[in-house]
Amino acid sequence: MQYVDPFNCKRDDMNVFLGKHHKYAYQNEYRCFWLPSHAPTVELEPMFLELGSMHQFAEFIVLE
């Protein structure tokens, strides 16, 4: 993950797949994405994955 200060960066500093506003730098996360091995010949459709329970991998904490 690359955290980007929007007030102190150039357009070439941004990575579309791995860029994130620096105010979220405290968050831990995993991002997964698949890219075609070659340019698609048709328009790609969204794909939705159902992961099921994340209970054993994640903890929900309410900040007040």
Protein backbone atom coordinates (compact mmCIF):
# COMPACT_ATOMS: atom_id res chain seq x y z
CA MET A 1 0.00 0.00 0.00
CA GLN A 2 1.25 3.45 -0.84
CA TYR A 3 -0.12 6.34 1.20
CA VAL A 4 -0.22 9.63 -0.68
CA ASP A 5 -0.33 13.16 0.68
CA PRO A 6 -2.76 14.81 -1.73
CA PHE A 7 -1.21 18.25 -1.10
CA ASN A 8 2.36 17.14 -1.76
CA CYS A 9 2.40 14.74 -4.71
CA LYS A 10 2.51 14.70 -8.47
CA ARG A 11 0.12 12.82 -10.73
CA ASP A 12 2.90 10.29 -11.53
CA ASP A 13 3.26 9.49 -7.81
CA MET A 14 -0.17 7.82 -7.78
CA ASN A 15 -0.65 4.08 -8.23
CA VAL A 16 -4.31 3.44 -9.06
CA PHE A 17 -4.35 -0.04 -7.53
CA LEU A 18 -2.35 0.67 -4.39
CA GLY A 19 -2.88 4.35 -3.63
CA LYS A 20 -4.72 5.53 -0.53
CA HIS A 21 -5.18 8.89 1.19
CA HIS A 22 -2.60 9.35 3.97
CA LYS A 23 -5.28 9.98 6.62
CA TYR A 24 -5.98 6.21 6.53
CA ALA A 25 -2.36 5.19 7.10
CA TYR A 26 -3.23 3.81 10.56
CA GLN A 27 -5.53 1.16 9.07
CA ASN A 28 -4.31 -2.37 8.47
CA GLU A 29 -5.79 -4.02 5.41
CA TYR A 30 -5.32 -6.50 2.62
CA ARG A 31 -6.19 -5.70 -0.98
CA CYS A 32 -6.47 -8.36 -3.65
CA PHE A 33 -7.00 -7.78 -7.32
CA TRP A 34 -6.64 -9.77 -10.47
CA LEU A 35 -5.44 -8.28 -13.73
CA PRO A 36 -5.87 -9.95 -17.13
CA SER A 37 -2.65 -11.34 -18.60
CA HIS A 38 -3.48 -9.53 -21.86
CA ALA A 39 -5.73 -6.66 -22.92
CA PRO A 40 -9.38 -7.81 -22.93
CA THR A 41 -11.24 -7.80 -26.26
CA VAL A 42 -14.62 -7.21 -24.57
CA GLU A 43 -15.71 -4.92 -21.74
CA LEU A 44 -14.99 -6.56 -18.39
CA GLU A 45 -17.92 -6.98 -16.02
CA PRO A 46 -17.68 -6.56 -12.22
CA MET A 47 -17.14 -9.75 -10.23
CA PHE A 48 -18.45 -10.08 -6.69
CA LEU A 49 -16.89 -12.56 -4.27
CA GLU A 50 -18.57 -13.80 -1.11
CA LEU A 51 -15.97 -14.53 1.54
CA GLY A 52 -18.22 -15.67 4.36
CA SER A 53 -17.41 -15.07 8.00
CA MET A 54 -14.19 -13.23 8.76
CA HIS A 55 -14.62 -13.80 12.49
CA GLN A 56 -11.41 -15.82 12.88
CA PHE A 57 -9.38 -13.24 10.93
CA ALA A 58 -10.74 -9.87 12.04
CA GLU A 59 -11.84 -7.95 15.11
CA PHE A 60 -14.50 -5.23 15.15
CA ILE A 61 -13.64 -2.32 17.44
CA VAL A 62 -15.95 0.64 17.98
CA LEU A 63 -14.13 3.93 18.54
CA GLU A 64 -16.10 6.60 20.35
